[in-house]
Amino acid sequence: MIKIWGKVVKDEKIIKQFVVEVEPKKCTFFDMIKQLCEGLDIPTPVLLNKHVMDFNKFSMTLFKPADFVEKVYFDKFIIEYLH
């Protein structure tokens, strides 16, 4: 099991956060993001190769409002692997 931390940031302050525990062999990267978004009650962003590569390389990735189809009220959605 691994833990993934999702943070919603507005004006450089965390306004919401949620942690999910997932089994990496049973859960895709998109499923993990979907679980975080459901827990945070935010829309699911569009997942690009850039996001997957950033997560694999840096153990974190960042979604901006332009990565969402719906209008969002925050500046960033960050997901991070908790070691």
N, C-alpha and C. Protein backbone atom coordinates (compact mmCIF):
# COMPACT_ATOMS: atom_id res chain seq x y z
N MET A 1 0.83 -1.19 0.00
CA MET A 1 0.00 0.00 0.00
C MET A 1 0.88 1.25 0.00
N ILE A 2 0.46 2.22 -0.77
CA ILE A 2 1.15 3.51 -0.77
C ILE A 2 0.14 4.60 -0.42
N LYS A 3 0.65 5.69 0.12
CA LYS A 3 -0.20 6.82 0.48
C LYS A 3 0.07 7.97 -0.47
N ILE A 4 -1.02 8.57 -0.95
CA ILE A 4 -0.94 9.72 -1.84
C ILE A 4 -1.71 10.87 -1.19
N TRP A 5 -1.05 12.03 -1.14
CA TRP A 5 -1.62 13.22 -0.50
C TRP A 5 -2.08 14.17 -1.58
N GLY A 6 -3.33 14.57 -1.53
CA GLY A 6 -3.87 15.56 -2.45
C GLY A 6 -4.11 16.86 -1.72
N LYS A 7 -3.65 17.98 -2.31
CA LYS A 7 -3.80 19.29 -1.68
C LYS A 7 -4.44 20.25 -2.67
N VAL A 8 -5.42 21.01 -2.21
CA VAL A 8 -6.03 22.07 -3.00
C VAL A 8 -5.50 23.38 -2.43
N VAL A 9 -4.89 24.19 -3.29
CA VAL A 9 -4.21 25.41 -2.85
C VAL A 9 -4.85 26.64 -3.49
N LYS A 10 -5.10 27.65 -2.67
CA LYS A 10 -5.59 28.95 -3.14
C LYS A 10 -4.79 30.03 -2.41
N ASP A 11 -4.26 30.97 -3.17
CA ASP A 11 -3.45 32.07 -2.59
C ASP A 11 -2.32 31.52 -1.72
N GLU A 12 -1.67 30.45 -2.21
CA GLU A 12 -0.52 29.81 -1.56
C GLU A 12 -0.85 29.21 -0.20
N LYS A 13 -2.14 28.93 0.08
CA LYS A 13 -2.54 28.27 1.32
C LYS A 13 -3.32 27.01 0.99
N ILE A 14 -3.07 25.96 1.74
CA ILE A 14 -3.82 24.72 1.56
C ILE A 14 -5.22 24.94 2.14
N ILE A 15 -6.23 24.79 1.27
CA ILE A 15 -7.60 24.97 1.75
C ILE A 15 -8.33 23.64 1.96
N LYS A 16 -7.84 22.59 1.30
CA LYS A 16 -8.38 21.24 1.48
C LYS A 16 -7.24 20.26 1.28
N GLN A 17 -7.32 19.14 1.98
CA GLN A 17 -6.34 18.08 1.78
C GLN A 17 -6.99 16.73 2.08
N PHE A 18 -6.44 15.71 1.45
CA PHE A 18 -7.00 14.37 1.60
C PHE A 18 -5.91 13.36 1.28
N VAL A 19 -5.88 12.26 2.01
CA VAL A 19 -4.89 11.21 1.77
C VAL A 19 -5.63 9.93 1.42
N VAL A 20 -5.14 9.25 0.37
CA VAL A 20 -5.69 7.94 0.01
C VAL A 20 -4.58 6.90 0.10
N GLU A 21 -4.97 5.70 0.47
CA GLU A 21 -4.05 4.56 0.46
C GLU A 21 -4.50 3.66 -0.68
N VAL A 22 -3.58 3.36 -1.58
CA VAL A 22 -3.92 2.54 -2.74
C VAL A 22 -2.92 1.40 -2.88
N GLU A 23 -3.38 0.35 -3.49
CA GLU A 23 -2.52 -0.78 -3.85
C GLU A 23 -2.07 -0.52 -5.28
N PRO A 24 -0.78 -0.23 -5.52
CA PRO A 24 -0.33 0.19 -6.85
C PRO A 24 -0.59 -0.84 -7.95
N LYS A 25 -0.63 -2.11 -7.62
CA LYS A 25 -0.85 -3.12 -8.65
C LYS A 25 -2.33 -3.28 -9.00
N LYS A 26 -3.20 -2.75 -8.16
CA LYS A 26 -4.64 -2.87 -8.39
C LYS A 26 -5.29 -1.56 -8.79
N CYS A 27 -4.53 -0.49 -8.83
CA CYS A 27 -5.09 0.84 -9.05
C CYS A 27 -4.27 1.58 -10.10
N THR A 28 -4.94 2.16 -11.10
CA THR A 28 -4.22 2.96 -12.09
C THR A 28 -3.98 4.36 -11.54
N PHE A 29 -3.12 5.09 -12.22
CA PHE A 29 -2.83 6.47 -11.81
C PHE A 29 -4.10 7.31 -11.87
N PHE A 30 -4.89 7.12 -12.92
CA PHE A 30 -6.14 7.88 -13.05
C PHE A 30 -7.11 7.54 -11.92
N ASP A 31 -7.22 6.26 -11.56
CA ASP A 31 -8.11 5.86 -10.47
C ASP A 31 -7.69 6.51 -9.15
N MET A 32 -6.40 6.62 -8.94
CA MET A 32 -5.88 7.26 -7.74
C MET A 32 -6.28 8.74 -7.70
N ILE A 33 -6.13 9.42 -8.83
CA ILE A 33 -6.52 10.83 -8.90
C ILE A 33 -8.02 10.99 -8.70
N LYS A 34 -8.78 10.09 -9.28
CA LYS A 34 -10.24 10.14 -9.13
C LYS A 34 -10.65 9.98 -7.66
N GLN A 35 -10.00 9.06 -6.94
CA GLN A 35 -10.29 8.88 -5.51
C GLN A 35 -9.97 10.14 -4.71
N LEU A 36 -8.83 10.77 -5.03
CA LEU A 36 -8.47 12.01 -4.35
C LEU A 36 -9.50 13.11 -4.62
N CYS A 37 -9.90 13.24 -5.87
CA CYS A 37 -10.86 14.28 -6.23
C CYS A 37 -12.22 14.06 -5.57
N GLU A 38 -12.65 12.81 -5.49
CA GLU A 38 -13.90 12.51 -4.80
C GLU A 38 -13.80 12.86 -3.33
N GLY A 39 -12.69 12.55 -2.70
CA GLY A 39 -12.48 12.87 -1.29
C GLY A 39 -12.41 14.36 -1.03
N LEU A 40 -11.92 15.10 -2.00
CA LEU A 40 -11.80 16.56 -1.87
C LEU A 40 -13.01 17.30 -2.41
N ASP A 41 -13.92 16.57 -3.04
CA ASP A 41 -15.12 17.14 -3.65
C ASP A 41 -14.76 18.21 -4.70
N ILE A 42 -13.86 17.83 -5.60
CA ILE A 42 -13.48 18.69 -6.72
C ILE A 42 -13.62 17.89 -8.01
N PRO A 43 -13.74 18.56 -9.16
CA PRO A 43 -13.80 17.82 -10.42
C PRO A 43 -12.49 17.10 -10.72
N THR A 44 -12.57 16.07 -11.54
CA THR A 44 -11.37 15.33 -11.94
C THR A 44 -10.69 16.06 -13.09
N PRO A 45 -9.38 16.31 -12.99
CA PRO A 45 -8.69 17.03 -14.07
C PRO A 45 -8.42 16.14 -15.27
N VAL A 46 -8.06 16.77 -16.36
CA VAL A 46 -7.61 16.05 -17.55
C VAL A 46 -6.18 15.58 -17.27
N LEU A 47 -5.95 14.30 -17.46
CA LEU A 47 -4.64 13.72 -17.16
C LEU A 47 -3.80 13.69 -18.43
N LEU A 48 -2.65 14.34 -18.39
CA LEU A 48 -1.73 14.39 -19.53
C LEU A 48 -0.48 13.57 -19.21
N ASN A 49 0.25 13.22 -20.25
CA ASN A 49 1.52 12.49 -20.05
C ASN A 49 2.47 13.26 -19.14
N LYS A 50 2.44 14.59 -19.24
CA LYS A 50 3.30 15.43 -18.42
C LYS A 50 3.05 15.16 -16.93
N HIS A 51 1.79 15.02 -16.54
CA HIS A 51 1.46 14.78 -15.13
C HIS A 51 2.01 13.43 -14.66
N VAL A 52 1.87 12.42 -15.49
CA VAL A 52 2.36 11.09 -15.14
C VAL A 52 3.89 11.10 -15.04
N MET A 53 4.55 11.73 -16.01
CA MET A 53 6.02 11.79 -15.99
C MET A 53 6.53 12.57 -14.79
N ASP A 54 5.89 13.71 -14.46
CA ASP A 54 6.29 14.49 -13.29
C ASP A 54 6.14 13.67 -12.01
N PHE A 55 5.04 12.94 -11.90
CA PHE A 55 4.82 12.13 -10.70
C PHE A 55 5.88 11.03 -10.59
N ASN A 56 6.19 10.39 -11.69
CA ASN A 56 7.19 9.32 -11.68
C ASN A 56 8.59 9.86 -11.38
N LYS A 57 8.89 11.04 -11.87
CA LYS A 57 10.24 11.61 -11.70
C LYS A 57 10.42 12.31 -10.35
N PHE A 58 9.39 13.07 -9.93
CA PHE A 58 9.52 13.91 -8.73
C PHE A 58 8.66 13.46 -7.55
N SER A 59 7.87 12.41 -7.72
CA SER A 59 6.93 11.93 -6.70
C SER A 59 5.86 12.96 -6.38
N MET A 60 5.59 13.84 -7.32
CA MET A 60 4.50 14.82 -7.19
C MET A 60 4.16 15.38 -8.56
N THR A 61 2.96 15.91 -8.68
CA THR A 61 2.57 16.61 -9.89
C THR A 61 1.56 17.69 -9.54
N LEU A 62 1.42 18.64 -10.44
CA LEU A 62 0.60 19.83 -10.19
C LEU A 62 -0.42 19.98 -11.30
N PHE A 63 -1.65 20.25 -10.92
CA PHE A 63 -2.71 20.55 -11.87
C PHE A 63 -3.13 22.00 -11.69
N LYS A 64 -3.21 22.74 -12.78
CA LYS A 64 -3.65 24.14 -12.76
C LYS A 64 -5.10 24.20 -13.18
N PRO A 65 -5.78 25.34 -12.97
CA PRO A 65 -7.19 25.44 -13.39
C PRO A 65 -7.41 25.12 -14.87
N ALA A 66 -6.44 25.36 -15.72
CA ALA A 66 -6.57 25.06 -17.15
C ALA A 66 -6.63 23.56 -17.41
N ASP A 67 -6.23 22.73 -16.45
CA ASP A 67 -6.27 21.28 -16.59
C ASP A 67 -7.64 20.68 -16.26
N PHE A 68 -8.58 21.52 -15.89
CA PHE A 68 -9.93 21.07 -15.55
C PHE A 68 -10.91 21.55 -16.62
N VAL A 69 -11.87 20.71 -16.93
CA VAL A 69 -12.91 21.11 -17.89
C VAL A 69 -13.88 22.09 -17.23
N GLU A 70 -14.23 21.80 -15.97
CA GLU A 70 -15.12 22.67 -15.22
C GLU A 70 -14.33 23.83 -14.61
N LYS A 71 -15.03 24.90 -14.31
CA LYS A 71 -14.39 26.04 -13.63
C LYS A 71 -14.12 25.64 -12.18
N VAL A 72 -12.92 25.96 -11.70
CA VAL A 72 -12.55 25.63 -10.33
C VAL A 72 -12.25 26.92 -9.56
N TYR A 73 -12.33 26.84 -8.25
CA TYR A 73 -12.20 28.00 -7.37
C TYR A 73 -10.83 28.09 -6.71
N PHE A 74 -9.88 27.28 -7.15
CA PHE A 74 -8.56 27.24 -6.52
C PHE A 74 -7.47 27.48 -7.57
N ASP A 75 -6.23 27.68 -7.08
CA ASP A 75 -5.10 27.99 -7.96
C ASP A 75 -4.32 26.74 -8.39
N LYS A 76 -4.26 25.72 -7.51
CA LYS A 76 -3.48 24.52 -7.79
C LYS A 76 -4.10 23.32 -7.11
N PHE A 77 -3.94 22.17 -7.75
CA PHE A 77 -4.25 20.89 -7.14
C PHE A 77 -2.97 20.08 -7.24
N ILE A 78 -2.40 19.73 -6.10
CA ILE A 78 -1.10 19.06 -6.05
C ILE A 78 -1.31 17.67 -5.48
N ILE A 79 -0.71 16.67 -6.14
CA ILE A 79 -0.70 15.34 -5.55
C ILE A 79 0.74 14.95 -5.31
N GLU A 80 0.95 14.29 -4.18
CA GLU A 80 2.31 13.99 -3.74
C GLU A 80 2.35 12.61 -3.09
N TYR A 81 3.39 11.87 -3.39
CA TYR A 81 3.61 10.56 -2.79
C TYR A 81 4.18 10.75 -1.39
N LEU A 82 3.56 10.13 -0.39
CA LEU A 82 4.06 10.20 0.98
C LEU A 82 4.98 9.03 1.23
N HIS A 83 6.23 9.30 1.55
CA HIS A 83 7.24 8.24 1.78
C HIS A 83 7.09 7.68 3.17
